[in-house]
Amino acid sequence: MSGLLNAGGYAVVAVLAAVGLWASIDAARRPQWAWRAVGARKWLWVFGMLVGTYFLAGIILVLLYIGGVRKDLQEAQVHSISSPA
């Protein structure tokens, strides 16, 4: 073994960082009213994922965002668009 972070390890870290960056950008692009509709704080999620991904501890936040909060935001946006004014 040549060490913990061989070429495969670096690839895994790069993929995790890329997914974290993508999730942060996706969260930042969602409108503030959608965040209020789901009862979440936009700045907290975006900041937490950006900073946390840098330390790789934020991957948990990224997974929670992708698995739950993002779906709720999408649903809130769809309902807002499809509801008559």
Protein backbone atom coordinates (compact mmCIF):
# COMPACT_ATOMS: atom_id res chain seq x y z
CA MET A 1 0.00 0.00 0.00
CA SER A 2 1.41 3.32 -1.01
CA GLY A 3 -0.81 5.34 1.29
CA LEU A 4 -4.41 6.07 2.03
CA LEU A 5 -4.93 8.57 -0.78
CA ASN A 6 -3.66 6.84 -3.88
CA ALA A 7 -5.04 7.72 -7.33
CA GLY A 8 -8.40 6.12 -6.55
CA GLY A 9 -8.64 8.01 -3.28
CA TYR A 10 -7.98 11.32 -4.99
CA ALA A 11 -10.65 10.52 -7.56
CA VAL A 12 -13.22 9.80 -4.84
CA VAL A 13 -12.37 13.05 -3.03
CA ALA A 14 -12.63 14.98 -6.32
CA VAL A 15 -16.05 13.49 -7.07
CA LEU A 16 -17.33 14.25 -3.56
CA ALA A 17 -16.08 17.83 -3.81
CA ALA A 18 -17.68 18.26 -7.24
CA VAL A 19 -21.04 16.96 -5.99
CA GLY A 20 -20.83 19.27 -2.98
CA LEU A 21 -20.07 22.25 -5.19
CA TRP A 22 -22.93 21.36 -7.54
CA ALA A 23 -25.38 21.02 -4.63
CA SER A 24 -24.27 24.37 -3.21
CA ILE A 25 -24.79 26.10 -6.56
CA ASP A 26 -28.15 24.39 -7.02
CA ALA A 27 -29.25 25.52 -3.56
CA ALA A 28 -28.06 29.08 -4.15
CA ARG A 29 -30.06 29.32 -7.38
CA ARG A 30 -33.36 28.37 -5.72
CA PRO A 31 -35.60 31.37 -4.97
CA GLN A 32 -35.88 32.61 -1.40
CA TRP A 33 -39.67 32.16 -1.35
CA ALA A 34 -39.25 28.43 -2.07
CA TRP A 35 -36.91 28.12 0.91
CA ARG A 36 -39.46 29.88 3.11
CA ALA A 37 -42.18 27.56 1.78
CA VAL A 38 -40.27 24.48 2.96
CA GLY A 39 -39.20 26.10 6.24
CA ALA A 40 -35.46 26.01 5.62
CA ARG A 41 -32.76 28.67 5.70
CA LYS A 42 -31.10 29.15 2.34
CA TRP A 43 -27.92 30.77 3.62
CA LEU A 44 -27.38 28.04 6.19
CA TRP A 45 -27.66 25.22 3.67
CA VAL A 46 -25.50 26.92 1.02
CA PHE A 47 -22.82 27.98 3.50
CA GLY A 48 -22.88 24.62 5.29
CA MET A 49 -22.48 22.65 2.08
CA LEU A 50 -19.72 24.89 0.71
CA VAL A 51 -17.65 24.99 3.86
CA GLY A 52 -18.49 21.46 4.90
CA THR A 53 -17.56 19.99 1.54
CA TYR A 54 -14.15 21.60 1.82
CA PHE A 55 -13.64 19.60 5.01
CA LEU A 56 -15.57 16.59 3.63
CA ALA A 57 -17.82 16.66 6.70
CA GLY A 58 -20.43 18.55 4.68
CA ILE A 59 -21.09 15.51 2.54
CA ILE A 60 -23.77 14.60 5.07
CA LEU A 61 -25.43 17.97 4.44
CA VAL A 62 -25.10 17.43 0.70
CA LEU A 63 -26.79 14.04 0.96
CA LEU A 64 -29.57 15.49 3.11
CA TYR A 65 -30.05 18.31 0.61
CA ILE A 66 -30.14 16.03 -2.44
CA GLY A 67 -32.30 13.41 -0.73
CA GLY A 68 -34.85 15.66 0.89
CA VAL A 69 -34.61 19.44 0.87
CA ARG A 70 -34.00 19.70 -2.88
CA LYS A 71 -37.06 17.59 -3.62
CA ASP A 72 -39.16 19.73 -1.28
CA LEU A 73 -37.89 22.90 -2.98
CA GLN A 74 -38.71 21.49 -6.42
CA GLU A 75 -42.18 20.53 -5.25
CA ALA A 76 -42.80 23.99 -3.80
CA GLN A 77 -41.69 25.58 -7.06
CA VAL A 78 -43.91 23.31 -9.15
CA HIS A 79 -46.93 23.98 -6.95
CA SER A 80 -46.32 27.71 -7.10
CA ILE A 81 -46.10 27.67 -10.90
CA SER A 82 -49.13 25.42 -11.39
CA SER A 83 -51.43 27.17 -8.88
CA PRO A 84 -53.74 29.80 -10.28
CA ALA A 85 -53.10 33.29 -9.00
